Every structure is written in C-alpha cells, then in structure tokens.
Amino acid sequence: MKIKYNIKAFEEIRRLPAVAAEVDSRAARIADACGDGYESSPYEGKSRHRASVITTNYKAARDNAKNNTLLRNINAGS
C-alpha cells in the first residue's frame, strides 16, 4: 500500500486563519516569557504562516547568547 499526500491540502490547512492565530499566539507567549527586548514577528511564508521570536536590542541579544533565553522559554508557547 502506498500513501500519497495531498500537499495542496496541507498548505491550505497551514494557511487557515485559526492556524495563523495559534502560531502568532504561541510566538507572543514565548516573547512575553523571555521578557523585555524580545518580540514576536509573524509573517506569511511561501506555503504557510510563520512566526519567529527575535531580540530587539543589544541587551536582549547578549542575554540570549549567555543564557539561551529563547531556548529555555520555548515551552511557554505550548
């Protein structure tokens, strides 16, 4: 038995407004858990909605480099 995936259907699901809202919400929770100097940055990718959490100043970048702040707070998005 061979499974054939419907890639277009996966892309449609990943672009649904509800999925985009959940992705944005998770990124915002991670940024909030990291503290000042971190923000979420949502955007539409080629095949799906995406969001990243970035540092906005030198202090936050240094904090992340020394303490792995983003990695330590990844579960805040769950």
PDB file of N, CA and C in Angstrom:
ATOM      1  N   MET A   1       0.845  -1.172   0.000  1.00  0.00           N
ATOM      2  CA  MET A   1       0.000   0.000   0.000  1.00  0.00           C
ATOM      3  C   MET A   1       0.894   1.241   0.000  1.00  0.00           C
ATOM      4  N   LYS A   2       0.579   2.166  -0.869  1.00  0.00           N
ATOM      5  CA  LYS A   2       1.364   3.389  -0.986  1.00  0.00           C
ATOM      6  C   LYS A   2       0.504   4.572  -0.556  1.00  0.00           C
ATOM      7  N   ILE A   3       1.089   5.435   0.252  1.00  0.00           N
ATOM      8  CA  ILE A   3       0.378   6.625   0.715  1.00  0.00           C
ATOM      9  C   ILE A   3       0.785   7.798  -0.156  1.00  0.00           C
ATOM     10  N   LYS A   4      -0.214   8.523  -0.645  1.00  0.00           N
ATOM     11  CA  LYS A   4       0.060   9.713  -1.441  1.00  0.00           C
ATOM     12  C   LYS A   4      -0.515  10.913  -0.695  1.00  0.00           C
ATOM     13  N   TYR A   5       0.354  11.836  -0.330  1.00  0.00           N
ATOM     14  CA  TYR A   5      -0.066  13.010   0.423  1.00  0.00           C
ATOM     15  C   TYR A   5      -0.585  14.092  -0.513  1.00  0.00           C
ATOM     16  N   ASN A   6      -1.614  14.775  -0.056  1.00  0.00           N
ATOM     17  CA  ASN A   6      -2.177  15.894  -0.794  1.00  0.00           C
ATOM     18  C   ASN A   6      -1.509  17.166  -0.264  1.00  0.00           C
ATOM     19  N   ILE A   7      -0.422  17.554  -0.880  1.00  0.00           N
ATOM     20  CA  ILE A   7       0.384  18.683  -0.415  1.00  0.00           C
ATOM     21  C   ILE A   7      -0.423  19.977  -0.425  1.00  0.00           C
ATOM     22  N   LYS A   8      -1.242  20.183  -1.426  1.00  0.00           N
ATOM     23  CA  LYS A   8      -2.070  21.404  -1.502  1.00  0.00           C
ATOM     24  C   LYS A   8      -2.997  21.499  -0.298  1.00  0.00           C
ATOM     25  N   ALA A   9      -3.550  20.369   0.124  1.00  0.00           N
ATOM     26  CA  ALA A   9      -4.443  20.375   1.290  1.00  0.00           C
ATOM     27  C   ALA A   9      -3.672  20.744   2.550  1.00  0.00           C
ATOM     28  N   PHE A  10      -2.453  20.227   2.696  1.00  0.00           N
ATOM     29  CA  PHE A  10      -1.618  20.595   3.844  1.00  0.00           C
ATOM     30  C   PHE A  10      -1.353  22.099   3.841  1.00  0.00           C
ATOM     31  N   GLU A  11      -1.045  22.653   2.669  1.00  0.00           N
ATOM     32  CA  GLU A  11      -0.780  24.086   2.568  1.00  0.00           C
ATOM     33  C   GLU A  11      -2.021  24.899   2.918  1.00  0.00           C
ATOM     34  N   GLU A  12      -3.183  24.456   2.467  1.00  0.00           N
ATOM     35  CA  GLU A  12      -4.430  25.161   2.789  1.00  0.00           C
ATOM     36  C   GLU A  12      -4.677  25.162   4.294  1.00  0.00           C
ATOM     37  N   ILE A  13      -4.473  24.030   4.930  1.00  0.00           N
ATOM     38  CA  ILE A  13      -4.678  23.933   6.379  1.00  0.00           C
ATOM     39  C   ILE A  13      -3.708  24.852   7.109  1.00  0.00           C
ATOM     40  N   ARG A  14      -2.456  24.859   6.683  1.00  0.00           N
ATOM     41  CA  ARG A  14      -1.444  25.682   7.361  1.00  0.00           C
ATOM     42  C   ARG A  14      -1.651  27.171   7.135  1.00  0.00           C
ATOM     43  N   ARG A  15      -2.500  27.546   6.179  1.00  0.00           N
ATOM     44  CA  ARG A  15      -2.792  28.959   5.924  1.00  0.00           C
ATOM     45  C   ARG A  15      -4.129  29.401   6.525  1.00  0.00           C
ATOM     46  N   LEU A  16      -4.849  28.512   7.166  1.00  0.00           N
ATOM     47  CA  LEU A  16      -6.131  28.879   7.769  1.00  0.00           C
ATOM     48  C   LEU A  16      -5.939  29.974   8.817  1.00  0.00           C
ATOM     49  N   PRO A  17      -6.891  30.904   8.916  1.00  0.00           N
ATOM     50  CA  PRO A  17      -6.789  31.975   9.918  1.00  0.00           C
ATOM     51  C   PRO A  17      -6.647  31.446  11.346  1.00  0.00           C
ATOM     52  N   ALA A  18      -7.322  30.363  11.667  1.00  0.00           N
ATOM     53  CA  ALA A  18      -7.227  29.798  13.020  1.00  0.00           C
ATOM     54  C   ALA A  18      -5.817  29.284  13.302  1.00  0.00           C
ATOM     55  N   VAL A  19      -5.190  28.685  12.319  1.00  0.00           N
ATOM     56  CA  VAL A  19      -3.823  28.191  12.484  1.00  0.00           C
ATOM     57  C   VAL A  19      -2.860  29.371  12.612  1.00  0.00           C
ATOM     58  N   ALA A  20      -3.053  30.395  11.790  1.00  0.00           N
ATOM     59  CA  ALA A  20      -2.206  31.592  11.865  1.00  0.00           C
ATOM     60  C   ALA A  20      -2.332  32.254  13.230  1.00  0.00           C
ATOM     61  N   ALA A  21      -3.551  32.333  13.748  1.00  0.00           N
ATOM     62  CA  ALA A  21      -3.768  32.939  15.065  1.00  0.00           C
ATOM     63  C   ALA A  21      -3.067  32.133  16.157  1.00  0.00           C
ATOM     64  N   GLU A  22      -3.104  30.819  16.057  1.00  0.00           N
ATOM     65  CA  GLU A  22      -2.435  29.965  17.050  1.00  0.00           C
ATOM     66  C   GLU A  22      -0.914  30.126  16.978  1.00  0.00           C
ATOM     67  N   VAL A  23      -0.377  30.179  15.782  1.00  0.00           N
ATOM     68  CA  VAL A  23       1.070  30.376  15.609  1.00  0.00           C
ATOM     69  C   VAL A  23       1.486  31.717  16.210  1.00  0.00           C
ATOM     70  N   ASP A  24       0.721  32.776  15.907  1.00  0.00           N
ATOM     71  CA  ASP A  24       1.021  34.108  16.449  1.00  0.00           C
ATOM     72  C   ASP A  24       0.933  34.120  17.968  1.00  0.00           C
ATOM     73  N   SER A  25      -0.085  33.459  18.499  1.00  0.00           N
ATOM     74  CA  SER A  25      -0.285  33.410  19.946  1.00  0.00           C
ATOM     75  C   SER A  25       0.882  32.709  20.641  1.00  0.00           C
ATOM     76  N   ARG A  26       1.322  31.608  20.086  1.00  0.00           N
ATOM     77  CA  ARG A  26       2.444  30.870  20.685  1.00  0.00           C
ATOM     78  C   ARG A  26       3.726  31.697  20.658  1.00  0.00           C
ATOM     79  N   ALA A  27       3.979  32.364  19.553  1.00  0.00           N
ATOM     80  CA  ALA A  27       5.180  33.202  19.460  1.00  0.00           C
ATOM     81  C   ALA A  27       5.110  34.358  20.455  1.00  0.00           C
ATOM     82  N   ALA A  28       3.933  34.945  20.612  1.00  0.00           N
ATOM     83  CA  ALA A  28       3.766  36.054  21.563  1.00  0.00           C
ATOM     84  C   ALA A  28       3.998  35.582  22.997  1.00  0.00           C
ATOM     85  N   ARG A  29       3.512  34.383  23.332  1.00  0.00           N
ATOM     86  CA  ARG A  29       3.728  33.849  24.683  1.00  0.00           C
ATOM     87  C   ARG A  29       5.210  33.598  24.951  1.00  0.00           C
ATOM     88  N   ILE A  30       5.923  33.119  23.960  1.00  0.00           N
ATOM     89  CA  ILE A  30       7.359  32.893  24.122  1.00  0.00           C
ATOM     90  C   ILE A  30       8.074  34.227  24.322  1.00  0.00           C
ATOM     91  N   ALA A  31       7.737  35.215  23.505  1.00  0.00           N
ATOM     92  CA  ALA A  31       8.361  36.536  23.633  1.00  0.00           C
ATOM     93  C   ALA A  31       8.075  37.144  25.001  1.00  0.00           C
ATOM     94  N   ASP A  32       6.841  37.005  25.484  1.00  0.00           N
ATOM     95  CA  ASP A  32       6.486  37.529  26.810  1.00  0.00           C
ATOM     96  C   ASP A  32       7.282  36.827  27.910  1.00  0.00           C
ATOM     97  N   ALA A  33       7.454  35.519  27.774  1.00  0.00           N
ATOM     98  CA  ALA A  33       8.198  34.762  28.785  1.00  0.00           C
ATOM     99  C   ALA A  33       9.678  35.158  28.801  1.00  0.00           C
ATOM    100  N   CYS A  34      10.207  35.562  27.665  1.00  0.00           N
ATOM    101  CA  CYS A  34      11.616  35.964  27.591  1.00  0.00           C
ATOM    102  C   CYS A  34      11.855  37.319  28.244  1.00  0.00           C
ATOM    103  N   GLY A  35      10.858  38.180  28.241  1.00  0.00           N
ATOM    104  CA  GLY A  35      10.991  39.481  28.894  1.00  0.00           C
ATOM    105  C   GLY A  35      11.232  40.623  27.928  1.00  0.00           C
ATOM    106  N   ASP A  36      11.698  41.744  28.477  1.00  0.00           N
ATOM    107  CA  ASP A  36      11.951  42.939  27.674  1.00  0.00           C
ATOM    108  C   ASP A  36      13.039  42.675  26.640  1.00  0.00           C
ATOM    109  N   GLY A  37      12.852  43.263  25.474  1.00  0.00           N
ATOM    110  CA  GLY A  37      13.852  43.123  24.423  1.00  0.00           C
ATOM    111  C   GLY A  37      13.605  41.968  23.476  1.00  0.00           C
ATOM    112  N   TYR A  38      12.499  41.273  23.652  1.00  0.00           N
ATOM    113  CA  TYR A  38      12.129  40.172  22.764  1.00  0.00           C
ATOM    114  C   TYR A  38      10.749  40.466  22.195  1.00  0.00           C
ATOM    115  N   GLU A  39      10.559  40.186  20.913  1.00  0.00           N
ATOM    116  CA  GLU A  39       9.236  40.367  20.318  1.00  0.00           C
ATOM    117  C   GLU A  39       8.973  39.288  19.278  1.00  0.00           C
ATOM    118  N   SER A  40       7.688  39.030  19.073  1.00  0.00           N
ATOM    119  CA  SER A  40       7.311  38.049  18.058  1.00  0.00           C
ATOM    120  C   SER A  40       7.170  38.773  16.725  1.00  0.00           C
ATOM    121  N   SER A  41       7.480  38.066  15.674  1.00  0.00           N
ATOM    122  CA  SER A  41       7.462  38.637  14.336  1.00  0.00           C
ATOM    123  C   SER A  41       6.751  37.664  13.390  1.00  0.00           C
ATOM    124  N   PRO A  42       5.421  37.819  13.224  1.00  0.00           N
ATOM    125  CA  PRO A  42       4.677  36.916  12.339  1.00  0.00           C
ATOM    126  C   PRO A  42       4.799  37.336  10.867  1.00  0.00           C
ATOM    127  N   TYR A  43       4.729  36.357   9.970  1.00  0.00           N
ATOM    128  CA  TYR A  43       4.761  36.658   8.540  1.00  0.00           C
ATOM    129  C   TYR A  43       4.218  35.479   7.745  1.00  0.00           C
ATOM    130  N   GLU A  44       3.791  35.749   6.517  1.00  0.00           N
ATOM    131  CA  GLU A  44       3.309  34.708   5.614  1.00  0.00           C
ATOM    132  C   GLU A  44       4.488  34.148   4.848  1.00  0.00           C
ATOM    133  N   GLY A  45       4.710  32.864   5.009  1.00  0.00           N
ATOM    134  CA  GLY A  45       5.762  32.197   4.259  1.00  0.00           C
ATOM    135  C   GLY A  45       5.237  31.736   2.910  1.00  0.00           C
ATOM    136  N   LYS A  46       6.054  31.032   2.175  1.00  0.00           N
ATOM    137  CA  LYS A  46       5.675  30.559   0.846  1.00  0.00           C
ATOM    138  C   LYS A  46       4.514  29.567   0.902  1.00  0.00           C
ATOM    139  N   SER A  47       4.542  28.674   1.886  1.00  0.00           N
ATOM    140  CA  SER A  47       3.499  27.647   1.947  1.00  0.00           C
ATOM    141  C   SER A  47       2.741  27.621   3.268  1.00  0.00           C
ATOM    142  N   ARG A  48       3.095  28.529   4.201  1.00  0.00           N
ATOM    143  CA  ARG A  48       2.401  28.528   5.487  1.00  0.00           C
ATOM    144  C   ARG A  48       2.680  29.823   6.239  1.00  0.00           C
ATOM    145  N   HIS A  49       1.868  30.048   7.252  1.00  0.00           N
ATOM    146  CA  HIS A  49       2.068  31.194   8.131  1.00  0.00           C
ATOM    147  C   HIS A  49       3.188  30.844   9.100  1.00  0.00           C
ATOM    148  N   ARG A  50       4.045  31.810   9.384  1.00  0.00           N
ATOM    149  CA  ARG A  50       5.178  31.569  10.273  1.00  0.00           C
ATOM    150  C   ARG A  50       5.290  32.702  11.279  1.00  0.00           C
ATOM    151  N   ALA A  51       5.991  32.435  12.344  1.00  0.00           N
ATOM    152  CA  ALA A  51       6.292  33.473  13.330  1.00  0.00           C
ATOM    153  C   ALA A  51       7.631  33.141  13.962  1.00  0.00           C
ATOM    154  N   SER A  52       8.374  34.170  14.258  1.00  0.00           N
ATOM    155  CA  SER A  52       9.643  33.981  14.950  1.00  0.00           C
ATOM    156  C   SER A  52       9.683  34.922  16.141  1.00  0.00           C
ATOM    157  N   VAL A  53      10.548  34.617  17.079  1.00  0.00           N
ATOM    158  CA  VAL A  53      10.770  35.497  18.224  1.00  0.00           C
ATOM    159  C   VAL A  53      12.190  36.013  18.082  1.00  0.00           C
ATOM    160  N   ILE A  54      12.329  37.329  18.120  1.00  0.00           N
ATOM    161  CA  ILE A  54      13.625  37.950  17.882  1.00  0.00           C
ATOM    162  C   ILE A  54      14.007  38.878  19.027  1.00  0.00           C
ATOM    163  N   THR A  55      15.291  39.156  19.121  1.00  0.00           N
ATOM    164  CA  THR A  55      15.759  40.152  20.082  1.00  0.00           C
ATOM    165  C   THR A  55      15.675  41.512  19.407  1.00  0.00           C
ATOM    166  N   THR A  56      15.362  42.544  20.199  1.00  0.00           N
ATOM    167  CA  THR A  56      15.194  43.878  19.623  1.00  0.00           C
ATOM    168  C   THR A  56      16.281  44.853  20.046  1.00  0.00           C
ATOM    169  N   ASN A  57      17.166  44.422  20.920  1.00  0.00           N
ATOM    170  CA  ASN A  57      18.246  45.313  21.333  1.00  0.00           C
ATOM    171  C   ASN A  57      19.474  44.493  21.748  1.00  0.00           C
ATOM    172  N   TYR A  58      20.557  45.195  21.965  1.00  0.00           N
ATOM    173  CA  TYR A  58      21.818  44.533  22.309  1.00  0.00           C
ATOM    174  C   TYR A  58      21.721  43.771  23.627  1.00  0.00           C
ATOM    175  N   LYS A  59      21.048  44.370  24.600  1.00  0.00           N
ATOM    176  CA  LYS A  59      20.941  43.735  25.919  1.00  0.00           C
ATOM    177  C   LYS A  59      20.248  42.371  25.815  1.00  0.00           C
ATOM    178  N   ALA A  60      19.165  42.314  25.053  1.00  0.00           N
ATOM    179  CA  ALA A  60      18.441  41.050  24.885  1.00  0.00           C
ATOM    180  C   ALA A  60      19.276  40.046  24.093  1.00  0.00           C
ATOM    181  N   ALA A  61      19.978  40.510  23.079  1.00  0.00           N
ATOM    182  CA  ALA A  61      20.825  39.612  22.286  1.00  0.00           C
ATOM    183  C   ALA A  61      21.928  39.016  23.159  1.00  0.00           C
ATOM    184  N   ARG A  62      22.511  39.835  24.001  1.00  0.00           N
ATOM    185  CA  ARG A  62      23.561  39.355  24.912  1.00  0.00           C
ATOM    186  C   ARG A  62      22.971  38.379  25.932  1.00  0.00           C
ATOM    187  N   ASP A  63      21.795  38.716  26.455  1.00  0.00           N
ATOM    188  CA  ASP A  63      21.111  37.834  27.401  1.00  0.00           C
ATOM    189  C   ASP A  63      20.856  36.467  26.772  1.00  0.00           C
ATOM    190  N   ASN A  64      20.380  36.474  25.532  1.00  0.00           N
ATOM    191  CA  ASN A  64      20.108  35.213  24.857  1.00  0.00           C
ATOM    192  C   ASN A  64      21.398  34.432  24.608  1.00  0.00           C
ATOM    193  N   ALA A  65      22.453  35.118  24.236  1.00  0.00           N
ATOM    194  CA  ALA A  65      23.732  34.449  23.979  1.00  0.00           C
ATOM    195  C   ALA A  65      24.304  33.811  25.246  1.00  0.00           C
ATOM    196  N   LYS A  66      24.161  34.490  26.371  1.00  0.00           N
ATOM    197  CA  LYS A  66      24.719  33.981  27.627  1.00  0.00           C
ATOM    198  C   LYS A  66      23.827  32.935  28.292  1.00  0.00           C
ATOM    199  N   ASN A  67      22.502  33.106  28.192  1.00  0.00           N
ATOM    200  CA  ASN A  67      21.570  32.285  28.969  1.00  0.00           C
ATOM    201  C   ASN A  67      20.647  31.388  28.145  1.00  0.00           C
ATOM    202  N   ASN A  68      20.777  31.419  26.822  1.00  0.00           N
ATOM    203  CA  ASN A  68      19.861  30.650  25.958  1.00  0.00           C
ATOM    204  C   ASN A  68      18.404  30.949  26.297  1.00  0.00           C
ATOM    205  N   THR A  69      18.084  32.207  26.458  1.00  0.00           N
ATOM    206  CA  THR A  69      16.755  32.622  26.903  1.00  0.00           C
ATOM    207  C   THR A  69      15.652  32.130  25.975  1.00  0.00           C
ATOM    208  N   LEU A  70      15.847  32.247  24.682  1.00  0.00           N
ATOM    209  CA  LEU A  70      14.819  31.790  23.740  1.00  0.00           C
ATOM    210  C   LEU A  70      14.599  30.283  23.859  1.00  0.00           C
ATOM    211  N   LEU A  71      15.664  29.544  23.913  1.00  0.00           N
ATOM    212  CA  LEU A  71      15.558  28.089  24.027  1.00  0.00           C
ATOM    213  C   LEU A  71      14.916  27.675  25.348  1.00  0.00           C
ATOM    214  N   ARG A  72      15.274  28.337  26.421  1.00  0.00           N
ATOM    215  CA  ARG A  72      14.721  27.995  27.737  1.00  0.00           C
ATOM    216  C   ARG A  72      13.228  28.300  27.843  1.00  0.00           C
ATOM    217  N   ASN A  73      12.738  29.230  27.030  1.00  0.00           N
ATOM    218  CA  ASN A  73      11.330  29.618  27.101  1.00  0.00           C
ATOM    219  C   ASN A  73      10.485  29.050  25.972  1.00  0.00           C
ATOM    220  N   ILE A  74      11.024  28.135  25.203  1.00  0.00           N
ATOM    221  CA  ILE A  74      10.286  27.575  24.072  1.00  0.00           C
ATOM    222  C   ILE A  74       8.988  26.901  24.519  1.00  0.00           C
ATOM    223  N   ASN A  75       8.973  26.303  25.700  1.00  0.00           N
ATOM    224  CA  ASN A  75       7.768  25.627  26.183  1.00  0.00           C
ATOM    225  C   ASN A  75       6.670  26.589  26.598  1.00  0.00           C
ATOM    226  N   ALA A  76       6.974  27.867  26.728  1.00  0.00           N
ATOM    227  CA  ALA A  76       5.939  28.852  27.055  1.00  0.00           C
ATOM    228  C   ALA A  76       4.920  28.954  25.929  1.00  0.00           C
ATOM    229  N   GLY A  77       5.306  28.560  24.736  1.00  0.00           N
ATOM    230  CA  GLY A  77       4.397  28.609  23.601  1.00  0.00           C
ATOM    231  C   GLY A  77       3.405  27.467  23.564  1.00  0.00           C
ATOM    232  N   SER A  78       3.600  26.464  24.389  1.00  0.00           N
ATOM    233  CA  SER A  78       2.715  25.285  24.380  1.00  0.00           C
ATOM    234  C   SER A  78       1.379  25.572  24.998  1.00  0.00           C
TER     235      SER A  78
END
